[in-house]
Structures are given as C-alpha cells and as structure tokens.
C-alpha cells in the first residue's frame, strides 16, 4: 500500500504475519530494497525502516527525478525463515 505525503515523497508500508496468520514483528527490524523499472538497485544509502506497531512498518521514500515506476521489498527474519513483502509503484505526474 502507498499513501502520498507530498509530490516527491511516498510512504511504503508492509505488514508481517507469523505462520499462525497473526501480525508479528520480524526478529530484527526489516530492511528495504528499492529497484527501478529495469530492476537496478536505487535504495538510498542508510535507508531505515520504521516500526509503526506490531508487525507493521513503513519507509518514506523520496522518489528521484525521472523515476515513474519502481519496485520495493521489505524483508526480515521471522520464526527462523526469511520473509518479505513486495510491491510495485507506478507514478503519473499531473
């Protein structure tokens, strides 16, 4: 899910659940990877994910000029397994 904060920054969100389908935190704070439409890594240096509540996280991403589509992946460990949440964002400027 994405929500627009201003013309350049959007909030990327992810919710993680355990195998019992309940919201659950990852063992460590999840990381995020962002790639452009060509799957080239454009993750900002030092990108830090913020915990909002149990199992829910966000990252506010300032989209570089010229980017109209990108992909993101939150990932971390849960119950000894690597878990991830992925998304795609297509932007149209009015």
PDB file of N, CA and C in Angstrom:
ATOM      1  N   UNK A   1       0.836  -1.176   0.000  1.00  0.00           N
ATOM      2  CA  UNK A   1       0.000   0.000   0.000  1.00  0.00           C
ATOM      3  C   UNK A   1       0.880   1.238   0.000  1.00  0.00           C
ATOM      4  N   UNK A   2       0.458   2.260  -0.708  1.00  0.00           N
ATOM      5  CA  UNK A   2       1.192   3.513  -0.703  1.00  0.00           C
ATOM      6  C   UNK A   2       0.241   4.651  -0.415  1.00  0.00           C
ATOM      7  N   UNK A   3       0.723   5.618   0.311  1.00  0.00           N
ATOM      8  CA  UNK A   3      -0.043   6.835   0.513  1.00  0.00           C
ATOM      9  C   UNK A   3       0.864   8.004   0.182  1.00  0.00           C
ATOM     10  N   UNK A   4       0.342   8.987  -0.513  1.00  0.00           N
ATOM     11  CA  UNK A   4       1.139  10.119  -0.933  1.00  0.00           C
ATOM     12  C   UNK A   4       1.232  11.151   0.174  1.00  0.00           C
ATOM     13  N   UNK A   5       2.438  11.596   0.483  1.00  0.00           N
ATOM     14  CA  UNK A   5       2.643  12.618   1.503  1.00  0.00           C
ATOM     15  C   UNK A   5       2.843  13.981   0.865  1.00  0.00           C
ATOM     16  N   UNK A   6       3.577  14.050  -0.222  1.00  0.00           N
ATOM     17  CA  UNK A   6       3.718  15.270  -0.998  1.00  0.00           C
ATOM     18  C   UNK A   6       4.117  14.855  -2.398  1.00  0.00           C
ATOM     19  N   UNK A   7       4.479  15.795  -3.249  1.00  0.00           N
ATOM     20  CA  UNK A   7       4.717  15.439  -4.639  1.00  0.00           C
ATOM     21  C   UNK A   7       5.961  14.591  -4.867  1.00  0.00           C
ATOM     22  N   UNK A   8       6.878  14.550  -3.923  1.00  0.00           N
ATOM     23  CA  UNK A   8       8.126  13.822  -4.119  1.00  0.00           C
ATOM     24  C   UNK A   8       8.308  12.620  -3.197  1.00  0.00           C
ATOM     25  N   UNK A   9       7.546  12.551  -2.132  1.00  0.00           N
ATOM     26  CA  UNK A   9       7.756  11.517  -1.127  1.00  0.00           C
ATOM     27  C   UNK A   9       6.493  10.674  -0.969  1.00  0.00           C
ATOM     28  N   UNK A  10       6.676   9.361  -0.943  1.00  0.00           N
ATOM     29  CA  UNK A  10       5.550   8.468  -0.698  1.00  0.00           C
ATOM     30  C   UNK A  10       5.901   7.541   0.454  1.00  0.00           C
ATOM     31  N   UNK A  11       4.888   7.051   1.128  1.00  0.00           N
ATOM     32  CA  UNK A  11       5.086   6.133   2.247  1.00  0.00           C
ATOM     33  C   UNK A  11       4.843   4.710   1.755  1.00  0.00           C
ATOM     34  N   UNK A  12       5.872   3.878   1.875  1.00  0.00           N
ATOM     35  CA  UNK A  12       5.772   2.458   1.549  1.00  0.00           C
ATOM     36  C   UNK A  12       5.502   1.723   2.848  1.00  0.00           C
ATOM     37  N   UNK A  13       4.555   0.796   2.853  1.00  0.00           N
ATOM     38  CA  UNK A  13       4.196   0.099   4.082  1.00  0.00           C
ATOM     39  C   UNK A  13       4.214  -1.407   3.877  1.00  0.00           C
ATOM     40  N   UNK A  14       4.398  -2.121   4.980  1.00  0.00           N
ATOM     41  CA  UNK A  14       4.367  -3.584   4.944  1.00  0.00           C
ATOM     42  C   UNK A  14       3.854  -4.102   6.279  1.00  0.00           C
ATOM     43  N   UNK A  15       3.129  -5.199   6.220  1.00  0.00           N
ATOM     44  CA  UNK A  15       2.656  -5.886   7.426  1.00  0.00           C
ATOM     45  C   UNK A  15       3.143  -7.321   7.365  1.00  0.00           C
ATOM     46  N   UNK A  16       3.731  -7.780   8.444  1.00  0.00           N
ATOM     47  CA  UNK A  16       4.249  -9.143   8.525  1.00  0.00           C
ATOM     48  C   UNK A  16       3.395  -9.958   9.481  1.00  0.00           C
ATOM     49  N   UNK A  17       3.155 -11.205   9.107  1.00  0.00           N
ATOM     50  CA  UNK A  17       2.393 -12.127   9.953  1.00  0.00           C
ATOM     51  C   UNK A  17       3.217 -13.375  10.206  1.00  0.00           C
ATOM     52  N   UNK A  18       2.916 -14.044  11.328  1.00  0.00           N
ATOM     53  CA  UNK A  18       3.593 -15.310  11.613  1.00  0.00           C
ATOM     54  C   UNK A  18       2.851 -16.441  10.912  1.00  0.00           C
ATOM     55  N   UNK A  19       3.320 -17.666  11.113  1.00  0.00           N
ATOM     56  CA  UNK A  19       2.707 -18.815  10.420  1.00  0.00           C
ATOM     57  C   UNK A  19       1.277 -19.074  10.894  1.00  0.00           C
ATOM     58  N   UNK A  20       0.907 -18.526  12.058  1.00  0.00           N
ATOM     59  CA  UNK A  20      -0.468 -18.662  12.557  1.00  0.00           C
ATOM     60  C   UNK A  20      -1.369 -17.552  12.006  1.00  0.00           C
ATOM     61  N   UNK A  21      -0.839 -16.739  11.095  1.00  0.00           N
ATOM     62  CA  UNK A  21      -1.554 -15.659  10.422  1.00  0.00           C
ATOM     63  C   UNK A  21      -1.916 -14.495  11.357  1.00  0.00           C
ATOM     64  N   UNK A  22      -1.078 -14.287  12.386  1.00  0.00           N
ATOM     65  CA  UNK A  22      -1.246 -13.154  13.285  1.00  0.00           C
ATOM     66  C   UNK A  22      -0.136 -12.148  13.013  1.00  0.00           C
ATOM     67  N   UNK A  23      -0.441 -10.857  13.104  1.00  0.00           N
ATOM     68  CA  UNK A  23       0.604  -9.856  12.955  1.00  0.00           C
ATOM     69  C   UNK A  23       1.730 -10.163  13.929  1.00  0.00           C
ATOM     70  N   UNK A  24       2.961 -10.065  13.443  1.00  0.00           N
ATOM     71  CA  UNK A  24       4.121 -10.368  14.282  1.00  0.00           C
ATOM     72  C   UNK A  24       5.318  -9.572  13.795  1.00  0.00           C
ATOM     73  N   UNK A  25       6.130  -9.112  14.727  1.00  0.00           N
ATOM     74  CA  UNK A  25       7.362  -8.427  14.363  1.00  0.00           C
ATOM     75  C   UNK A  25       8.359  -9.417  13.796  1.00  0.00           C
ATOM     76  N   UNK A  26       9.229  -8.910  12.939  1.00  0.00           N
ATOM     77  CA  UNK A  26      10.349  -9.720  12.483  1.00  0.00           C
ATOM     78  C   UNK A  26      11.377  -9.756  13.611  1.00  0.00           C
ATOM     79  N   UNK A  27      12.288 -10.713  13.564  1.00  0.00           N
ATOM     80  CA  UNK A  27      13.282 -10.872  14.618  1.00  0.00           C
ATOM     81  C   UNK A  27      14.131  -9.617  14.772  1.00  0.00           C
ATOM     82  N   UNK A  28      14.505  -9.013  13.656  1.00  0.00           N
ATOM     83  CA  UNK A  28      15.207  -7.730  13.652  1.00  0.00           C
ATOM     84  C   UNK A  28      14.404  -6.773  12.782  1.00  0.00           C
ATOM     85  N   UNK A  29      14.673  -5.492  12.910  1.00  0.00           N
ATOM     86  CA  UNK A  29      13.980  -4.508  12.089  1.00  0.00           C
ATOM     87  C   UNK A  29      14.159  -4.875  10.617  1.00  0.00           C
ATOM     88  N   UNK A  30      13.065  -4.930   9.849  1.00  0.00           N
ATOM     89  CA  UNK A  30      13.205  -5.293   8.444  1.00  0.00           C
ATOM     90  C   UNK A  30      14.069  -4.286   7.683  1.00  0.00           C
ATOM     91  N   UNK A  31      14.637  -4.746   6.608  1.00  0.00           N
ATOM     92  CA  UNK A  31      15.386  -3.882   5.694  1.00  0.00           C
ATOM     93  C   UNK A  31      14.504  -3.628   4.480  1.00  0.00           C
ATOM     94  N   UNK A  32      14.919  -2.694   3.634  1.00  0.00           N
ATOM     95  CA  UNK A  32      14.174  -2.417   2.412  1.00  0.00           C
ATOM     96  C   UNK A  32      15.140  -2.337   1.238  1.00  0.00           C
ATOM     97  N   UNK A  33      14.686  -2.827   0.100  1.00  0.00           N
ATOM     98  CA  UNK A  33      15.402  -2.702  -1.169  1.00  0.00           C
ATOM     99  C   UNK A  33      14.443  -2.063  -2.148  1.00  0.00           C
ATOM    100  N   UNK A  34      14.946  -1.136  -2.956  1.00  0.00           N
ATOM    101  CA  UNK A  34      14.138  -0.462  -3.965  1.00  0.00           C
ATOM    102  C   UNK A  34      14.884  -0.567  -5.291  1.00  0.00           C
ATOM    103  N   UNK A  35      14.149  -0.893  -6.357  1.00  0.00           N
ATOM    104  CA  UNK A  35      14.751  -1.039  -7.681  1.00  0.00           C
ATOM    105  C   UNK A  35      13.919  -0.271  -8.701  1.00  0.00           C
ATOM    106  N   UNK A  36      14.596   0.267  -9.724  1.00  0.00           N
ATOM    107  CA  UNK A  36      13.868   0.980 -10.768  1.00  0.00           C
ATOM    108  C   UNK A  36      13.198  -0.001 -11.723  1.00  0.00           C
ATOM    109  N   UNK A  37      12.563   0.507 -12.759  1.00  0.00           N
ATOM    110  CA  UNK A  37      11.818  -0.339 -13.704  1.00  0.00           C
ATOM    111  C   UNK A  37      12.700  -1.375 -14.392  1.00  0.00           C
ATOM    112  N   UNK A  38      14.016  -1.121 -14.455  1.00  0.00           N
ATOM    113  CA  UNK A  38      14.963  -2.062 -15.052  1.00  0.00           C
ATOM    114  C   UNK A  38      15.571  -3.002 -14.017  1.00  0.00           C
ATOM    115  N   UNK A  39      15.037  -2.969 -12.802  1.00  0.00           N
ATOM    116  CA  UNK A  39      15.493  -3.795 -11.673  1.00  0.00           C
ATOM    117  C   UNK A  39      16.893  -3.432 -11.189  1.00  0.00           C
ATOM    118  N   UNK A  40      17.296  -2.179 -11.416  1.00  0.00           N
ATOM    119  CA  UNK A  40      18.582  -1.677 -10.919  1.00  0.00           C
ATOM    120  C   UNK A  40      18.338  -1.117  -9.519  1.00  0.00           C
ATOM    121  N   UNK A  41      19.186  -1.499  -8.571  1.00  0.00           N
ATOM    122  CA  UNK A  41      19.035  -1.061  -7.177  1.00  0.00           C
ATOM    123  C   UNK A  41      19.166   0.454  -7.064  1.00  0.00           C
ATOM    124  N   UNK A  42      18.141   1.084  -6.499  1.00  0.00           N
ATOM    125  CA  UNK A  42      18.165   2.531  -6.249  1.00  0.00           C
ATOM    126  C   UNK A  42      17.848   2.821  -4.777  1.00  0.00           C
ATOM    127  N   UNK A  43      18.130   1.850  -3.917  1.00  0.00           N
ATOM    128  CA  UNK A  43      17.876   2.027  -2.488  1.00  0.00           C
ATOM    129  C   UNK A  43      18.767   3.138  -1.944  1.00  0.00           C
ATOM    130  N   UNK A  44      18.189   4.137  -1.272  1.00  0.00           N
ATOM    131  CA  UNK A  44      19.027   5.191  -0.698  1.00  0.00           C
ATOM    132  C   UNK A  44      19.985   4.629   0.357  1.00  0.00           C
ATOM    133  N   UNK A  45      21.178   5.173   0.412  1.00  0.00           N
ATOM    134  CA  UNK A  45      22.154   4.777   1.422  1.00  0.00           C
ATOM    135  C   UNK A  45      21.589   5.064   2.804  1.00  0.00           C
ATOM    136  N   UNK A  46      21.691   4.098   3.692  1.00  0.00           N
ATOM    137  CA  UNK A  46      21.233   4.280   5.062  1.00  0.00           C
ATOM    138  C   UNK A  46      19.724   4.204   5.235  1.00  0.00           C
ATOM    139  N   UNK A  47      19.015   3.660   4.257  1.00  0.00           N
ATOM    140  CA  UNK A  47      17.553   3.553   4.349  1.00  0.00           C
ATOM    141  C   UNK A  47      17.166   2.768   5.596  1.00  0.00           C
ATOM    142  N   UNK A  48      16.353   3.368   6.457  1.00  0.00           N
ATOM    143  CA  UNK A  48      15.943   2.737   7.703  1.00  0.00           C
ATOM    144  C   UNK A  48      14.429   2.617   7.755  1.00  0.00           C
ATOM    145  N   UNK A  49      13.965   1.419   7.986  1.00  0.00           N
ATOM    146  CA  UNK A  49      12.538   1.132   8.099  1.00  0.00           C
ATOM    147  C   UNK A  49      12.077   1.500   9.509  1.00  0.00           C
ATOM    148  N   UNK A  50      10.870   2.036   9.628  1.00  0.00           N
ATOM    149  CA  UNK A  50      10.301   2.457  10.904  1.00  0.00           C
ATOM    150  C   UNK A  50       9.198   1.483  11.309  1.00  0.00           C
ATOM    151  N   UNK A  51       9.222   1.060  12.578  1.00  0.00           N
ATOM    152  CA  UNK A  51       8.161   0.203  13.115  1.00  0.00           C
ATOM    153  C   UNK A  51       7.003   1.082  13.571  1.00  0.00           C
ATOM    154  N   UNK A  52       5.796   0.783  13.079  1.00  0.00           N
ATOM    155  CA  UNK A  52       4.607   1.545  13.478  1.00  0.00           C
ATOM    156  C   UNK A  52       3.882   0.883  14.638  1.00  0.00           C
ATOM    157  N   UNK A  53       3.694  -0.407  14.559  1.00  0.00           N
ATOM    158  CA  UNK A  53       3.037  -1.184  15.607  1.00  0.00           C
ATOM    159  C   UNK A  53       3.371  -2.651  15.344  1.00  0.00           C
ATOM    160  N   UNK A  54       2.821  -3.522  16.130  1.00  0.00           N
ATOM    161  CA  UNK A  54       3.121  -4.942  15.997  1.00  0.00           C
ATOM    162  C   UNK A  54       3.003  -5.401  14.545  1.00  0.00           C
ATOM    163  N   UNK A  55       4.119  -5.814  13.955  1.00  0.00           N
ATOM    164  CA  UNK A  55       4.144  -6.373  12.614  1.00  0.00           C
ATOM    165  C   UNK A  55       3.974  -5.389  11.475  1.00  0.00           C
ATOM    166  N   UNK A  56       3.817  -4.095  11.760  1.00  0.00           N
ATOM    167  CA  UNK A  56       3.621  -3.122  10.678  1.00  0.00           C
ATOM    168  C   UNK A  56       4.763  -2.103  10.652  1.00  0.00           C
ATOM    169  N   UNK A  57       5.216  -1.810   9.436  1.00  0.00           N
ATOM    170  CA  UNK A  57       6.389  -0.979   9.230  1.00  0.00           C
ATOM    171  C   UNK A  57       6.167  -0.041   8.054  1.00  0.00           C
ATOM    172  N   UNK A  58       6.982   1.029   8.000  1.00  0.00           N
ATOM    173  CA  UNK A  58       6.928   1.908   6.841  1.00  0.00           C
ATOM    174  C   UNK A  58       8.303   2.486   6.532  1.00  0.00           C
ATOM    175  N   UNK A  59       8.405   2.996   5.327  1.00  0.00           N
ATOM    176  CA  UNK A  59       9.591   3.729   4.896  1.00  0.00           C
ATOM    177  C   UNK A  59       9.114   4.868   4.007  1.00  0.00           C
ATOM    178  N   UNK A  60       9.507   6.102   4.320  1.00  0.00           N
ATOM    179  CA  UNK A  60       9.160   7.261   3.497  1.00  0.00           C
ATOM    180  C   UNK A  60      10.239   7.432   2.439  1.00  0.00           C
ATOM    181  N   UNK A  61       9.832   7.289   1.183  1.00  0.00           N
ATOM    182  CA  UNK A  61      10.771   7.284   0.060  1.00  0.00           C
ATOM    183  C   UNK A  61      10.599   8.525  -0.793  1.00  0.00           C
ATOM    184  N   UNK A  62      11.672   9.283  -0.949  1.00  0.00           N
ATOM    185  CA  UNK A  62      11.672  10.422  -1.860  1.00  0.00           C
ATOM    186  C   UNK A  62      12.087   9.904  -3.232  1.00  0.00           C
ATOM    187  N   UNK A  63      11.163   9.966  -4.154  1.00  0.00           N
ATOM    188  CA  UNK A  63      11.369   9.392  -5.484  1.00  0.00           C
ATOM    189  C   UNK A  63      12.292  10.298  -6.297  1.00  0.00           C
ATOM    190  N   UNK A  64      13.378   9.724  -6.847  1.00  0.00           N
ATOM    191  CA  UNK A  64      14.297  10.525  -7.657  1.00  0.00           C
ATOM    192  C   UNK A  64      13.621  11.044  -8.928  1.00  0.00           C
ATOM    193  N   UNK A  65      14.093  12.167  -9.409  1.00  0.00           N
ATOM    194  CA  UNK A  65      13.571  12.728 -10.656  1.00  0.00           C
ATOM    195  C   UNK A  65      13.711  11.710 -11.781  1.00  0.00           C
ATOM    196  N   UNK A  66      12.701  11.635 -12.623  1.00  0.00           N
ATOM    197  CA  UNK A  66      12.749  10.754 -13.787  1.00  0.00           C
ATOM    198  C   UNK A  66      12.265   9.338 -13.538  1.00  0.00           C
ATOM    199  N   UNK A  67      11.982   8.980 -12.304  1.00  0.00           N
ATOM    200  CA  UNK A  67      11.504   7.630 -11.984  1.00  0.00           C
ATOM    201  C   UNK A  67       9.977   7.636 -12.046  1.00  0.00           C
ATOM    202  N   UNK A  68       9.411   6.776 -12.889  1.00  0.00           N
ATOM    203  CA  UNK A  68       7.953   6.710 -12.971  1.00  0.00           C
ATOM    204  C   UNK A  68       7.411   5.356 -12.506  1.00  0.00           C
ATOM    205  N   UNK A  69       8.283   4.389 -12.344  1.00  0.00           N
ATOM    206  CA  UNK A  69       7.881   3.072 -11.856  1.00  0.00           C
ATOM    207  C   UNK A  69       9.048   2.486 -11.074  1.00  0.00           C
ATOM    208  N   UNK A  70       8.728   1.890  -9.923  1.00  0.00           N
ATOM    209  CA  UNK A  70       9.776   1.208  -9.157  1.00  0.00           C
ATOM    210  C   UNK A  70       9.160   0.079  -8.353  1.00  0.00           C
ATOM    211  N   UNK A  71      10.031  -0.778  -7.862  1.00  0.00           N
ATOM    212  CA  UNK A  71       9.641  -1.949  -7.079  1.00  0.00           C
ATOM    213  C   UNK A  71      10.299  -1.852  -5.713  1.00  0.00           C
ATOM    214  N   UNK A  72       9.629  -2.369  -4.697  1.00  0.00           N
ATOM    215  CA  UNK A  72      10.236  -2.358  -3.366  1.00  0.00           C
ATOM    216  C   UNK A  72      10.007  -3.703  -2.684  1.00  0.00           C
ATOM    217  N   UNK A  73      10.895  -3.974  -1.729  1.00  0.00           N
ATOM    218  CA  UNK A  73      10.830  -5.236  -0.975  1.00  0.00           C
ATOM    219  C   UNK A  73      11.283  -4.970   0.449  1.00  0.00           C
ATOM    220  N   UNK A  74      10.371  -5.187   1.405  1.00  0.00           N
ATOM    221  CA  UNK A  74      10.733  -5.202   2.819  1.00  0.00           C
ATOM    222  C   UNK A  74      11.099  -6.651   3.131  1.00  0.00           C
ATOM    223  N   UNK A  75      12.147  -6.889   3.907  1.00  0.00           N
ATOM    224  CA  UNK A  75      12.499  -8.270   4.245  1.00  0.00           C
ATOM    225  C   UNK A  75      13.153  -8.357   5.619  1.00  0.00           C
ATOM    226  N   UNK A  76      12.928  -9.496   6.265  1.00  0.00           N
ATOM    227  CA  UNK A  76      13.499  -9.743   7.583  1.00  0.00           C
ATOM    228  C   UNK A  76      13.318 -11.208   7.950  1.00  0.00           C
ATOM    229  N   UNK A  77      13.693 -11.557   9.157  1.00  0.00           N
ATOM    230  CA  UNK A  77      13.574 -12.939   9.624  1.00  0.00           C
ATOM    231  C   UNK A  77      12.374 -13.070  10.549  1.00  0.00           C
ATOM    232  N   UNK A  78      11.637 -14.168  10.390  1.00  0.00           N
ATOM    233  CA  UNK A  78      10.506 -14.473  11.260  1.00  0.00           C
ATOM    234  C   UNK A  78      10.450 -15.974  11.465  1.00  0.00           C
ATOM    235  N   UNK A  79      10.454 -16.378  12.707  1.00  0.00           N
ATOM    236  CA  UNK A  79      10.401 -17.801  13.061  1.00  0.00           C
ATOM    237  C   UNK A  79      11.460 -18.610  12.303  1.00  0.00           C
ATOM    238  N   UNK A  80      12.670 -18.013  12.193  1.00  0.00           N
ATOM    239  CA  UNK A  80      13.791 -18.699  11.565  1.00  0.00           C
ATOM    240  C   UNK A  80      13.765 -18.743  10.048  1.00  0.00           C
ATOM    241  N   UNK A  81      12.852 -18.005   9.417  1.00  0.00           N
ATOM    242  CA  UNK A  81      12.707 -18.017   7.968  1.00  0.00           C
ATOM    243  C   UNK A  81      12.779 -16.591   7.429  1.00  0.00           C
ATOM    244  N   UNK A  82      13.436 -16.411   6.278  1.00  0.00           N
ATOM    245  CA  UNK A  82      13.453 -15.112   5.624  1.00  0.00           C
ATOM    246  C   UNK A  82      12.071 -14.848   5.041  1.00  0.00           C
ATOM    247  N   UNK A  83      11.475 -13.719   5.403  1.00  0.00           N
ATOM    248  CA  UNK A  83      10.145 -13.341   4.907  1.00  0.00           C
ATOM    249  C   UNK A  83      10.257 -11.982   4.216  1.00  0.00           C
ATOM    250  N   UNK A  84       9.376 -11.745   3.241  1.00  0.00           N
ATOM    251  CA  UNK A  84       9.408 -10.460   2.562  1.00  0.00           C
ATOM    252  C   UNK A  84       8.018 -10.039   2.122  1.00  0.00           C
ATOM    253  N   UNK A  85       7.882  -8.768   1.905  1.00  0.00           N
ATOM    254  CA  UNK A  85       6.669  -8.165   1.363  1.00  0.00           C
ATOM    255  C   UNK A  85       7.123  -7.283   0.213  1.00  0.00           C
ATOM    256  N   UNK A  86       6.495  -7.468  -0.948  1.00  0.00           N
ATOM    257  CA  UNK A  86       6.923  -6.750  -2.147  1.00  0.00           C
ATOM    258  C   UNK A  86       5.803  -5.896  -2.694  1.00  0.00           C
ATOM    259  N   UNK A  87       6.183  -4.887  -3.460  1.00  0.00           N
ATOM    260  CA  UNK A  87       5.194  -4.045  -4.096  1.00  0.00           C
ATOM    261  C   UNK A  87       5.779  -3.344  -5.312  1.00  0.00           C
ATOM    262  N   UNK A  88       4.891  -2.809  -6.113  1.00  0.00           N
ATOM    263  CA  UNK A  88       5.253  -2.061  -7.309  1.00  0.00           C
ATOM    264  C   UNK A  88       4.517  -0.730  -7.260  1.00  0.00           C
ATOM    265  N   UNK A  89       5.201   0.334  -7.629  1.00  0.00           N
ATOM    266  CA  UNK A  89       4.593   1.656  -7.642  1.00  0.00           C
ATOM    267  C   UNK A  89       4.770   2.251  -9.029  1.00  0.00           C
ATOM    268  N   UNK A  90       3.670   2.687  -9.617  1.00  0.00           N
ATOM    269  CA  UNK A  90       3.692   3.414 -10.867  1.00  0.00           C
ATOM    270  C   UNK A  90       3.205   4.824 -10.600  1.00  0.00           C
ATOM    271  N   UNK A  91       3.989   5.800 -10.946  1.00  0.00           N
ATOM    272  CA  UNK A  91       3.650   7.189 -10.684  1.00  0.00           C
ATOM    273  C   UNK A  91       3.233   7.881 -11.974  1.00  0.00           C
ATOM    274  N   UNK A  92       2.248   8.716 -11.886  1.00  0.00           N
ATOM    275  CA  UNK A  92       1.923   9.581 -13.008  1.00  0.00           C
ATOM    276  C   UNK A  92       1.836  10.988 -12.461  1.00  0.00           C
ATOM    277  N   UNK A  93       2.557  11.869 -13.087  1.00  0.00           N
ATOM    278  CA  UNK A  93       2.609  13.249 -12.639  1.00  0.00           C
ATOM    279  C   UNK A  93       1.597  14.065 -13.409  1.00  0.00           C
ATOM    280  N   UNK A  94       0.820  14.841 -12.683  1.00  0.00           N
ATOM    281  CA  UNK A  94      -0.223  15.654 -13.292  1.00  0.00           C
ATOM    282  C   UNK A  94       0.247  17.084 -13.390  1.00  0.00           C
TER     283      UNK A  94
END
